[in-house]
Amino acid sequence: MDLEGKLVKQRRERLKVDLGERGLRQSEALFQHVKQLPNLIAEVAEGRKDVLTKIVVSTKPRPQEDSYMPVFTAGFGHAKALASVLGISLIETSHQEGHLMAGLWSAKINIQKFLAVHLSGGTSEILKVHKNNNNFDIKELGASQDLHAGQFVDRVGVALGLSFPAGSQLERLATKGELGKVSIPSSVQGYQMSFSGPTSAAMRLIELGKGSADIALAVQQCIANSLEKVLKKAIDEEKCKDILIVGGVAANQYIRERLKKRLEHPAVGAKLYFADPKWSSDNAVGTAAMGVKYRD
């Protein structure tokens, strides 16, 4: 990304998950990062070493001192070595901040105070955010107490015979479903969401032989209902109506349209913003954008 915030070049490589599995252990994810990063970096940096001014890297899940996952050490190690060899600045940020910035960057919006939903396989959080010169002051209002929304989608999707990650496949399957044919109740208490109960309810529907498409649609409806409940509470209590929704699950068009219909209704009056679907699950572009404010 150049210093004006324009994406110059990008390269992705999905981590490999065996058919029937619902994810990767941290040790395997770390190994794949260590194995793949050198080639990815070489491709992106080819012919650009002389114009690189800084390297920006996610070093932890959230901007908190105790936030840690082993997989982040792979990217941090490569970034630190490259910055040292090239003699350029190294900027550290977090996975969560990268997703927020990817949403703001791709939606081309500049809001300073807003509510945010970070919705993925590893995170389901309701946040109150104050953005100041690309820095984020983040207060967590609530989160999933067990499984995350993306885990809910993937576990049900794999049980339905879909491959991991199951999000886009489950969304396509759901278009063939009939709303209300089966129901998966949402589980919300205050700002806290739970997706383990809904997952168990979906598994029972599968065991009973209910239609796969109907179950897929009910999963989406359950997530949308859960978010609607906590966001209505946040809108009322935090007196904030701008809402940014990011993360892989936020790419789901049904959930987007359902939330827009319910929360942008005049009776509620919220304004929803979403990361471009292409960047919903990719926080790297946001991580790069976080570095734009730094001038050497």
C-alpha atoms as a PDB file:
ATOM      1  CA  MET A   1       0.000   0.000   0.000  1.00  0.00           C
ATOM      2  CA  ASP A   2       1.352   3.440  -0.876  1.00  0.00           C
ATOM      3  CA  LEU A   3       1.397   6.400   1.487  1.00  0.00           C
ATOM      4  CA  GLU A   4      -1.889   7.673   0.049  1.00  0.00           C
ATOM      5  CA  GLY A   5      -3.684   4.489   1.067  1.00  0.00           C
ATOM      6  CA  LYS A   6      -3.887   2.919  -2.401  1.00  0.00           C
ATOM      7  CA  LEU A   7      -3.380  -0.837  -2.585  1.00  0.00           C
ATOM      8  CA  VAL A   8      -0.410  -1.546  -4.853  1.00  0.00           C
ATOM      9  CA  LYS A   9      -0.088  -5.320  -4.647  1.00  0.00           C
ATOM     10  CA  GLN A  10      -1.469  -8.167  -2.570  1.00  0.00           C
ATOM     11  CA  ARG A  11      -1.069 -11.930  -2.353  1.00  0.00           C
ATOM     12  CA  ARG A  12      -3.044 -14.479  -0.344  1.00  0.00           C
ATOM     13  CA  GLU A  13      -2.551 -18.128   0.471  1.00  0.00           C
ATOM     14  CA  ARG A  14      -5.230 -20.033   2.404  1.00  0.00           C
ATOM     15  CA  LEU A  15      -4.063 -22.382   5.131  1.00  0.00           C
ATOM     16  CA  LYS A  16      -4.708 -26.022   4.217  1.00  0.00           C
ATOM     17  CA  VAL A  17      -7.308 -27.913   6.258  1.00  0.00           C
ATOM     18  CA  ASP A  18      -8.000 -31.603   5.635  1.00  0.00           C
ATOM     19  CA  LEU A  19     -11.464 -32.536   4.382  1.00  0.00           C
ATOM     20  CA  GLY A  20     -13.845 -33.133   7.270  1.00  0.00           C
ATOM     21  CA  GLU A  21     -11.768 -31.159   9.763  1.00  0.00           C
ATOM     22  CA  ARG A  22     -13.136 -28.011  11.428  1.00  0.00           C
ATOM     23  CA  GLY A  23      -9.926 -26.019  11.670  1.00  0.00           C
ATOM     24  CA  LEU A  24      -6.255 -26.209  12.589  1.00  0.00           C
ATOM     25  CA  ARG A  25      -4.347 -26.608  15.818  1.00  0.00           C
ATOM     26  CA  GLN A  26      -2.122 -23.631  16.614  1.00  0.00           C
ATOM     27  CA  SER A  27       0.999 -25.740  16.066  1.00  0.00           C
ATOM     28  CA  GLU A  28      -0.107 -26.700  12.545  1.00  0.00           C
ATOM     29  CA  ALA A  29      -1.218 -23.155  11.715  1.00  0.00           C
ATOM     30  CA  LEU A  30       2.144 -21.827  12.919  1.00  0.00           C
ATOM     31  CA  PHE A  31       4.016 -24.403  10.828  1.00  0.00           C
ATOM     32  CA  GLN A  32       2.081 -23.472   7.682  1.00  0.00           C
ATOM     33  CA  HIS A  33       2.761 -19.765   8.272  1.00  0.00           C
ATOM     34  CA  VAL A  34       6.476 -20.386   8.687  1.00  0.00           C
ATOM     35  CA  LYS A  35       6.493 -22.490   5.517  1.00  0.00           C
ATOM     36  CA  GLN A  36       4.438 -20.160   3.304  1.00  0.00           C
ATOM     37  CA  LEU A  37       5.483 -16.664   4.393  1.00  0.00           C
ATOM     38  CA  PRO A  38       8.928 -16.567   2.713  1.00  0.00           C
ATOM     39  CA  ASN A  39       7.469 -17.242  -0.749  1.00  0.00           C
ATOM     40  CA  LEU A  40       4.566 -14.829  -0.245  1.00  0.00           C
ATOM     41  CA  ILE A  41       6.872 -12.053   0.933  1.00  0.00           C
ATOM     42  CA  ALA A  42       9.270 -12.653  -1.968  1.00  0.00           C
ATOM     43  CA  GLU A  43       6.435 -12.380  -4.509  1.00  0.00           C
ATOM     44  CA  VAL A  44       4.979  -9.190  -3.059  1.00  0.00           C
ATOM     45  CA  ALA A  45       8.344  -7.479  -2.496  1.00  0.00           C
ATOM     46  CA  GLU A  46       9.838  -8.384  -5.882  1.00  0.00           C
ATOM     47  CA  GLY A  47      11.107  -5.245  -7.570  1.00  0.00           C
ATOM     48  CA  ARG A  48       9.951  -3.052  -4.696  1.00  0.00           C
ATOM     49  CA  LYS A  49      12.726  -3.252  -2.113  1.00  0.00           C
ATOM     50  CA  ASP A  50      13.979   0.220  -3.000  1.00  0.00           C
ATOM     51  CA  VAL A  51      10.560   1.837  -2.478  1.00  0.00           C
ATOM     52  CA  LEU A  52       9.615   0.144   0.803  1.00  0.00           C
ATOM     53  CA  THR A  53       9.500   2.644   3.657  1.00  0.00           C
ATOM     54  CA  LYS A  54       8.088   0.576   6.505  1.00  0.00           C
ATOM     55  CA  ILE A  55       6.712  -2.831   7.449  1.00  0.00           C
ATOM     56  CA  VAL A  56       3.462  -3.153   9.395  1.00  0.00           C
ATOM     57  CA  VAL A  57       2.658  -6.431  11.149  1.00  0.00           C
ATOM     58  CA  SER A  58      -0.040  -7.899  13.410  1.00  0.00           C
ATOM     59  CA  THR A  59       1.680  -9.212  16.522  1.00  0.00           C
ATOM     60  CA  LYS A  60      -1.305 -10.242  18.648  1.00  0.00           C
ATOM     61  CA  PRO A  61      -5.076 -10.781  18.476  1.00  0.00           C
ATOM     62  CA  ARG A  62      -6.118  -7.592  20.335  1.00  0.00           C
ATOM     63  CA  PRO A  63      -4.409  -4.367  21.447  1.00  0.00           C
ATOM     64  CA  GLN A  64      -3.974  -5.620  25.016  1.00  0.00           C
ATOM     65  CA  GLU A  65      -0.819  -6.583  26.892  1.00  0.00           C
ATOM     66  CA  ASP A  66      -2.022 -10.098  27.736  1.00  0.00           C
ATOM     67  CA  SER A  67      -3.270 -10.841  24.208  1.00  0.00           C
ATOM     68  CA  TYR A  68      -1.272 -13.686  22.641  1.00  0.00           C
ATOM     69  CA  MET A  69      -1.499 -16.521  20.136  1.00  0.00           C
ATOM     70  CA  PRO A  70       1.567 -18.480  18.928  1.00  0.00           C
ATOM     71  CA  VAL A  71       0.704 -18.125  15.243  1.00  0.00           C
ATOM     72  CA  PHE A  72       1.428 -14.379  15.324  1.00  0.00           C
ATOM     73  CA  THR A  73       5.096 -15.026  16.113  1.00  0.00           C
ATOM     74  CA  ALA A  74       5.687 -16.244  12.546  1.00  0.00           C
ATOM     75  CA  GLY A  75       4.725 -12.980  10.870  1.00  0.00           C
ATOM     76  CA  PHE A  76       6.375 -10.886  13.568  1.00  0.00           C
ATOM     77  CA  GLY A  77       9.666 -12.758  13.213  1.00  0.00           C
ATOM     78  CA  HIS A  78       9.780 -12.352   9.429  1.00  0.00           C
ATOM     79  CA  ALA A  79       8.756  -8.688   9.647  1.00  0.00           C
ATOM     80  CA  LYS A  80      11.368  -7.872  12.298  1.00  0.00           C
ATOM     81  CA  ALA A  81      14.145  -9.522  10.302  1.00  0.00           C
ATOM     82  CA  LEU A  82      13.166  -7.781   7.064  1.00  0.00           C
ATOM     83  CA  ALA A  83      12.899  -4.371   8.686  1.00  0.00           C
ATOM     84  CA  SER A  84      16.339  -4.818  10.240  1.00  0.00           C
ATOM     85  CA  VAL A  85      17.994  -5.947   6.997  1.00  0.00           C
ATOM     86  CA  LEU A  86      16.342  -3.199   4.902  1.00  0.00           C
ATOM     87  CA  GLY A  87      16.873  -0.516   7.538  1.00  0.00           C
ATOM     88  CA  ILE A  88      13.237   0.588   7.593  1.00  0.00           C
ATOM     89  CA  SER A  89      10.643   1.127  10.317  1.00  0.00           C
ATOM     90  CA  LEU A  90       8.694  -1.718  11.899  1.00  0.00           C
ATOM     91  CA  ILE A  91       5.143  -0.861  13.011  1.00  0.00           C
ATOM     92  CA  GLU A  92       3.262  -3.273  15.268  1.00  0.00           C
ATOM     93  CA  THR A  93      -0.524  -3.526  15.384  1.00  0.00           C
ATOM     94  CA  SER A  94      -3.139  -6.175  16.189  1.00  0.00           C
ATOM     95  CA  HIS A  95      -5.451  -8.497  14.287  1.00  0.00           C
ATOM     96  CA  GLN A  96      -8.524  -6.725  15.673  1.00  0.00           C
ATOM     97  CA  GLU A  97      -7.298  -3.264  14.664  1.00  0.00           C
ATOM     98  CA  GLY A  98      -6.475  -4.596  11.211  1.00  0.00           C
ATOM     99  CA  HIS A  99     -10.049  -5.788  10.710  1.00  0.00           C
ATOM    100  CA  LEU A 100     -11.477  -2.468  11.882  1.00  0.00           C
ATOM    101  CA  MET A 101      -9.180  -0.561   9.547  1.00  0.00           C
ATOM    102  CA  ALA A 102      -9.963  -2.920   6.650  1.00  0.00           C
ATOM    103  CA  GLY A 103     -13.635  -2.087   7.158  1.00  0.00           C
ATOM    104  CA  LEU A 104     -13.110   1.671   7.248  1.00  0.00           C
ATOM    105  CA  TRP A 105     -10.661   1.575   4.323  1.00  0.00           C
ATOM    106  CA  SER A 106     -12.757  -0.625   2.033  1.00  0.00           C
ATOM    107  CA  ALA A 107     -16.040   1.141   2.859  1.00  0.00           C
ATOM    108  CA  LYS A 108     -14.300   4.487   2.237  1.00  0.00           C
ATOM    109  CA  ILE A 109     -15.686   6.063   5.399  1.00  0.00           C
ATOM    110  CA  ASN A 110     -14.159   8.287   8.048  1.00  0.00           C
ATOM    111  CA  ILE A 111     -16.097   7.993  11.292  1.00  0.00           C
ATOM    112  CA  GLN A 112     -14.498   8.764  14.635  1.00  0.00           C
ATOM    113  CA  LYS A 113     -16.833   7.177  17.194  1.00  0.00           C
ATOM    114  CA  PHE A 114     -18.786   4.057  16.404  1.00  0.00           C
ATOM    115  CA  LEU A 115     -19.965   0.660  17.536  1.00  0.00           C
ATOM    116  CA  ALA A 116     -18.257  -2.286  15.890  1.00  0.00           C
ATOM    117  CA  VAL A 117     -18.907  -5.981  15.500  1.00  0.00           C
ATOM    118  CA  HIS A 118     -15.876  -8.206  14.909  1.00  0.00           C
ATOM    119  CA  LEU A 119     -17.388 -11.454  13.684  1.00  0.00           C
ATOM    120  CA  SER A 120     -15.227 -14.391  12.605  1.00  0.00           C
ATOM    121  CA  GLY A 121     -14.115 -17.916  13.410  1.00  0.00           C
ATOM    122  CA  GLY A 122     -11.941 -16.680  16.263  1.00  0.00           C
ATOM    123  CA  THR A 123     -13.851 -13.625  17.468  1.00  0.00           C
ATOM    124  CA  SER A 124     -17.431 -12.550  18.102  1.00  0.00           C
ATOM    125  CA  GLU A 125     -17.280  -9.210  19.894  1.00  0.00           C
ATOM    126  CA  ILE A 126     -19.341  -6.061  20.287  1.00  0.00           C
ATOM    127  CA  LEU A 127     -17.057  -3.049  20.619  1.00  0.00           C
ATOM    128  CA  LYS A 128     -17.252   0.672  21.255  1.00  0.00           C
ATOM    129  CA  VAL A 129     -14.516   2.366  19.247  1.00  0.00           C
ATOM    130  CA  HIS A 130     -12.988   5.818  19.151  1.00  0.00           C
ATOM    131  CA  LYS A 131     -10.656   6.338  16.198  1.00  0.00           C
ATOM    132  CA  ASN A 132      -8.028   9.052  16.481  1.00  0.00           C
ATOM    133  CA  ASN A 133      -5.504   9.445  13.633  1.00  0.00           C
ATOM    134  CA  ASN A 134      -5.770   5.724  12.812  1.00  0.00           C
ATOM    135  CA  ASN A 135      -5.251   4.748  16.447  1.00  0.00           C
ATOM    136  CA  PHE A 136      -8.143   2.855  17.999  1.00  0.00           C
ATOM    137  CA  ASP A 137      -9.361   3.193  21.569  1.00  0.00           C
ATOM    138  CA  ILE A 138     -11.426   0.032  21.928  1.00  0.00           C
ATOM    139  CA  LYS A 139     -13.817  -0.908  24.722  1.00  0.00           C
ATOM    140  CA  GLU A 140     -15.316  -4.390  24.654  1.00  0.00           C
ATOM    141  CA  LEU A 141     -19.026  -4.296  25.472  1.00  0.00           C
ATOM    142  CA  GLY A 142     -19.666  -8.008  25.028  1.00  0.00           C
ATOM    143  CA  ALA A 143     -18.574 -11.177  23.297  1.00  0.00           C
ATOM    144  CA  SER A 144     -19.433 -14.792  22.680  1.00  0.00           C
ATOM    145  CA  GLN A 145     -19.068 -16.808  25.860  1.00  0.00           C
ATOM    146  CA  ASP A 146     -18.206 -20.073  24.127  1.00  0.00           C
ATOM    147  CA  LEU A 147     -18.137 -20.734  20.384  1.00  0.00           C
ATOM    148  CA  HIS A 148     -17.734 -17.874  17.948  1.00  0.00           C
ATOM    149  CA  ALA A 149     -20.115 -17.201  15.065  1.00  0.00           C
ATOM    150  CA  GLY A 150     -17.625 -18.549  12.521  1.00  0.00           C
ATOM    151  CA  GLN A 151     -17.190 -21.756  14.537  1.00  0.00           C
ATOM    152  CA  PHE A 152     -20.988 -22.121  14.617  1.00  0.00           C
ATOM    153  CA  VAL A 153     -21.082 -21.814  10.824  1.00  0.00           C
ATOM    154  CA  ASP A 154     -18.144 -24.164  10.261  1.00  0.00           C
ATOM    155  CA  ARG A 155     -19.241 -26.901  12.660  1.00  0.00           C
ATOM    156  CA  VAL A 156     -22.732 -27.017  11.227  1.00  0.00           C
ATOM    157  CA  GLY A 157     -21.399 -26.709   7.679  1.00  0.00           C
ATOM    158  CA  VAL A 158     -18.947 -29.608   8.088  1.00  0.00           C
ATOM    159  CA  ALA A 159     -21.728 -31.711   9.677  1.00  0.00           C
ATOM    160  CA  LEU A 160     -23.809 -30.978   6.566  1.00  0.00           C
ATOM    161  CA  GLY A 161     -20.984 -32.279   4.373  1.00  0.00           C
ATOM    162  CA  LEU A 162     -19.446 -28.942   3.405  1.00  0.00           C
ATOM    163  CA  SER A 163     -15.700 -28.334   3.464  1.00  0.00           C
ATOM    164  CA  PHE A 164     -13.900 -26.035   5.886  1.00  0.00           C
ATOM    165  CA  PRO A 165     -14.175 -23.058   5.932  1.00  0.00           C
ATOM    166  CA  ALA A 166     -17.882 -23.467   5.271  1.00  0.00           C
ATOM    167  CA  GLY A 167     -19.105 -19.863   5.227  1.00  0.00           C
ATOM    168  CA  SER A 168     -19.567 -19.219   1.504  1.00  0.00           C
ATOM    169  CA  GLN A 169     -20.877 -22.747   0.863  1.00  0.00           C
ATOM    170  CA  LEU A 170     -23.407 -22.520   3.681  1.00  0.00           C
ATOM    171  CA  GLU A 171     -24.554 -19.144   2.363  1.00  0.00           C
ATOM    172  CA  ARG A 172     -25.179 -20.622  -1.102  1.00  0.00           C
ATOM    173  CA  LEU A 173     -26.987 -23.614   0.414  1.00  0.00           C
ATOM    174  CA  ALA A 174     -29.191 -21.308   2.501  1.00  0.00           C
ATOM    175  CA  THR A 175     -30.565 -19.606  -0.626  1.00  0.00           C
ATOM    176  CA  LYS A 176     -32.494 -22.836  -1.270  1.00  0.00           C
ATOM    177  CA  GLY A 177     -33.969 -22.916   2.233  1.00  0.00           C
ATOM    178  CA  GLU A 178     -37.405 -21.889   3.463  1.00  0.00           C
ATOM    179  CA  LEU A 179     -37.419 -19.398   6.324  1.00  0.00           C
ATOM    180  CA  GLY A 180     -39.257 -20.736   9.378  1.00  0.00           C
ATOM    181  CA  LYS A 181     -39.220 -24.348   8.216  1.00  0.00           C
ATOM    182  CA  VAL A 182     -36.864 -25.055  11.119  1.00  0.00           C
ATOM    183  CA  SER A 183     -35.792 -22.755  13.937  1.00  0.00           C
ATOM    184  CA  ILE A 184     -32.560 -22.284  15.871  1.00  0.00           C
ATOM    185  CA  PRO A 185     -33.186 -19.988  18.859  1.00  0.00           C
ATOM    186  CA  SER A 186     -30.615 -17.292  19.585  1.00  0.00           C
ATOM    187  CA  SER A 187     -28.948 -17.196  23.001  1.00  0.00           C
ATOM    188  CA  VAL A 188     -28.218 -13.698  24.314  1.00  0.00           C
ATOM    189  CA  GLN A 189     -27.904 -12.295  27.820  1.00  0.00           C
ATOM    190  CA  GLY A 190     -27.145  -8.593  27.987  1.00  0.00           C
ATOM    191  CA  TYR A 191     -24.175  -8.061  25.685  1.00  0.00           C
ATOM    192  CA  GLN A 192     -23.090 -11.689  25.918  1.00  0.00           C
ATOM    193  CA  MET A 193     -23.853 -14.103  23.075  1.00  0.00           C
ATOM    194  CA  SER A 194     -23.656 -17.877  23.050  1.00  0.00           C
ATOM    195  CA  PHE A 195     -23.359 -20.072  19.973  1.00  0.00           C
ATOM    196  CA  SER A 196     -22.786 -23.463  21.636  1.00  0.00           C
ATOM    197  CA  GLY A 197     -26.493 -23.919  22.359  1.00  0.00           C
ATOM    198  CA  PRO A 198     -27.484 -22.956  18.807  1.00  0.00           C
ATOM    199  CA  THR A 199     -24.812 -25.343  17.483  1.00  0.00           C
ATOM    200  CA  SER A 200     -26.284 -28.204  19.529  1.00  0.00           C
ATOM    201  CA  ALA A 201     -29.776 -27.292  18.291  1.00  0.00           C
ATOM    202  CA  ALA A 202     -28.544 -27.378  14.679  1.00  0.00           C
ATOM    203  CA  MET A 203     -26.893 -30.778  15.219  1.00  0.00           C
ATOM    204  CA  ARG A 204     -30.174 -32.166  16.557  1.00  0.00           C
ATOM    205  CA  LEU A 205     -31.951 -30.918  13.425  1.00  0.00           C
ATOM    206  CA  ILE A 206     -29.342 -32.684  11.298  1.00  0.00           C
ATOM    207  CA  GLU A 207     -29.830 -35.918  13.280  1.00  0.00           C
ATOM    208  CA  LEU A 208     -33.586 -35.616  12.744  1.00  0.00           C
ATOM    209  CA  GLY A 209     -33.015 -35.456   8.989  1.00  0.00           C
ATOM    210  CA  LYS A 210     -34.310 -31.928   8.481  1.00  0.00           C
ATOM    211  CA  GLY A 211     -33.500 -30.215   5.196  1.00  0.00           C
ATOM    212  CA  SER A 212     -29.895 -29.057   4.852  1.00  0.00           C
ATOM    213  CA  ALA A 213     -30.850 -25.793   3.150  1.00  0.00           C
ATOM    214  CA  ASP A 214     -33.422 -25.001   5.833  1.00  0.00           C
ATOM    215  CA  ILE A 215     -30.841 -25.616   8.560  1.00  0.00           C
ATOM    216  CA  ALA A 216     -28.275 -23.429   6.781  1.00  0.00           C
ATOM    217  CA  LEU A 217     -30.797 -20.595   6.560  1.00  0.00           C
ATOM    218  CA  ALA A 218     -31.713 -21.012  10.227  1.00  0.00           C
ATOM    219  CA  VAL A 219     -28.024 -20.713  11.175  1.00  0.00           C
ATOM    220  CA  GLN A 220     -27.794 -17.368   9.384  1.00  0.00           C
ATOM    221  CA  GLN A 221     -31.041 -16.194  10.955  1.00  0.00           C
ATOM    222  CA  CYS A 222     -29.816 -17.161  14.435  1.00  0.00           C
ATOM    223  CA  ILE A 223     -26.607 -15.140  14.031  1.00  0.00           C
ATOM    224  CA  ALA A 224     -28.525 -12.139  12.698  1.00  0.00           C
ATOM    225  CA  ASN A 225     -31.022 -12.322  15.577  1.00  0.00           C
ATOM    226  CA  SER A 226     -28.216 -12.531  18.145  1.00  0.00           C
ATOM    227  CA  LEU A 227     -26.489  -9.473  16.711  1.00  0.00           C
ATOM    228  CA  GLU A 228     -29.718  -7.523  16.435  1.00  0.00           C
ATOM    229  CA  LYS A 229     -30.430  -7.998  20.151  1.00  0.00           C
ATOM    230  CA  VAL A 230     -27.008  -6.914  21.409  1.00  0.00           C
ATOM    231  CA  LEU A 231     -26.728  -4.021  18.943  1.00  0.00           C
ATOM    232  CA  LYS A 232     -30.138  -2.603  19.875  1.00  0.00           C
ATOM    233  CA  LYS A 233     -28.997  -2.617  23.495  1.00  0.00           C
ATOM    234  CA  ALA A 234     -25.705  -0.914  22.569  1.00  0.00           C
ATOM    235  CA  ILE A 235     -27.427   1.723  20.432  1.00  0.00           C
ATOM    236  CA  ASP A 236     -29.746   2.582  23.314  1.00  0.00           C
ATOM    237  CA  GLU A 237     -27.182   2.547  26.131  1.00  0.00           C
ATOM    238  CA  GLU A 238     -24.140   3.995  24.320  1.00  0.00           C
ATOM    239  CA  LYS A 239     -26.135   6.613  22.368  1.00  0.00           C
ATOM    240  CA  CYS A 240     -24.255   5.716  19.214  1.00  0.00           C
ATOM    241  CA  LYS A 241     -25.894   4.806  15.909  1.00  0.00           C
ATOM    242  CA  ASP A 242     -22.916   4.344  13.555  1.00  0.00           C
ATOM    243  CA  ILE A 243     -22.080   0.627  13.371  1.00  0.00           C
ATOM    244  CA  LEU A 244     -19.161  -1.003  11.535  1.00  0.00           C
ATOM    245  CA  ILE A 245     -19.370  -4.768  10.979  1.00  0.00           C
ATOM    246  CA  VAL A 246     -16.190  -6.640  10.019  1.00  0.00           C
ATOM    247  CA  GLY A 247     -14.711 -10.135   9.973  1.00  0.00           C
ATOM    248  CA  GLY A 248     -15.216 -13.185   7.779  1.00  0.00           C
ATOM    249  CA  VAL A 249     -18.794 -13.917   8.854  1.00  0.00           C
ATOM    250  CA  ALA A 250     -19.696 -10.300   8.059  1.00  0.00           C
ATOM    251  CA  ALA A 251     -19.322 -11.120   4.350  1.00  0.00           C
ATOM    252  CA  ASN A 252     -22.595 -13.077   4.533  1.00  0.00           C
ATOM    253  CA  GLN A 253     -25.133 -11.144   2.449  1.00  0.00           C
ATOM    254  CA  TYR A 254     -28.190 -12.544   4.241  1.00  0.00           C
ATOM    255  CA  ILE A 255     -26.888 -11.389   7.633  1.00  0.00           C
ATOM    256  CA  ARG A 256     -26.001  -7.994   6.177  1.00  0.00           C
ATOM    257  CA  GLU A 257     -29.408  -7.416   4.640  1.00  0.00           C
ATOM    258  CA  ARG A 258     -31.253  -8.694   7.695  1.00  0.00           C
ATOM    259  CA  LEU A 259     -29.352  -6.348  10.019  1.00  0.00           C
ATOM    260  CA  LYS A 260     -29.774  -3.372   7.682  1.00  0.00           C
ATOM    261  CA  LYS A 261     -33.499  -3.998   7.468  1.00  0.00           C
ATOM    262  CA  ARG A 262     -33.920  -4.286  11.240  1.00  0.00           C
ATOM    263  CA  LEU A 263     -31.443  -1.703  12.520  1.00  0.00           C
ATOM    264  CA  GLU A 264     -31.730   0.984   9.826  1.00  0.00           C
ATOM    265  CA  HIS A 265     -35.492   0.983  10.315  1.00  0.00           C
ATOM    266  CA  PRO A 266     -36.681   4.477  11.339  1.00  0.00           C
ATOM    267  CA  ALA A 267     -37.729   3.111  14.735  1.00  0.00           C
ATOM    268  CA  VAL A 268     -34.066   2.333  15.479  1.00  0.00           C
ATOM    269  CA  GLY A 269     -32.277   4.805  13.232  1.00  0.00           C
ATOM    270  CA  ALA A 270     -28.845   3.164  13.045  1.00  0.00           C
ATOM    271  CA  LYS A 271     -26.444   3.469  10.119  1.00  0.00           C
ATOM    272  CA  LEU A 272     -24.573   0.287   9.219  1.00  0.00           C
ATOM    273  CA  TYR A 273     -21.238   0.048   7.423  1.00  0.00           C
ATOM    274  CA  PHE A 274     -19.619  -3.148   6.200  1.00  0.00           C
ATOM    275  CA  ALA A 275     -16.204  -4.063   4.917  1.00  0.00           C
ATOM    276  CA  ASP A 276     -16.255  -4.865   1.213  1.00  0.00           C
ATOM    277  CA  PRO A 277     -16.975  -8.638   1.081  1.00  0.00           C
ATOM    278  CA  LYS A 278     -13.579  -9.152  -0.585  1.00  0.00           C
ATOM    279  CA  TRP A 279     -11.841  -7.733   2.481  1.00  0.00           C
ATOM    280  CA  SER A 280     -14.174  -8.925   5.255  1.00  0.00           C
ATOM    281  CA  SER A 281     -11.984 -11.897   6.084  1.00  0.00           C
ATOM    282  CA  ASP A 282      -8.670 -10.255   5.151  1.00  0.00           C
ATOM    283  CA  ASN A 283      -7.307  -7.992   7.861  1.00  0.00           C
ATOM    284  CA  ALA A 284      -3.923  -7.675   6.114  1.00  0.00           C
ATOM    285  CA  VAL A 285      -5.134  -4.782   3.962  1.00  0.00           C
ATOM    286  CA  GLY A 286      -6.227  -3.020   7.147  1.00  0.00           C
ATOM    287  CA  THR A 287      -2.881  -3.767   8.755  1.00  0.00           C
ATOM    288  CA  ALA A 288      -1.173  -2.106   5.782  1.00  0.00           C
ATOM    289  CA  ALA A 289      -3.538   0.872   5.987  1.00  0.00           C
ATOM    290  CA  MET A 290      -2.639   1.270   9.668  1.00  0.00           C
ATOM    291  CA  GLY A 291       0.864   2.206   8.538  1.00  0.00           C
ATOM    292  CA  VAL A 292      -0.209   4.994   6.214  1.00  0.00           C
ATOM    293  CA  LYS A 293      -0.264   7.549   9.039  1.00  0.00           C
ATOM    294  CA  TYR A 294       3.394   6.928   9.920  1.00  0.00           C
ATOM    295  CA  ARG A 295       5.754   9.321   8.096  1.00  0.00           C
ATOM    296  CA  ASP A 296       9.474   8.632   8.344  1.00  0.00           C
END
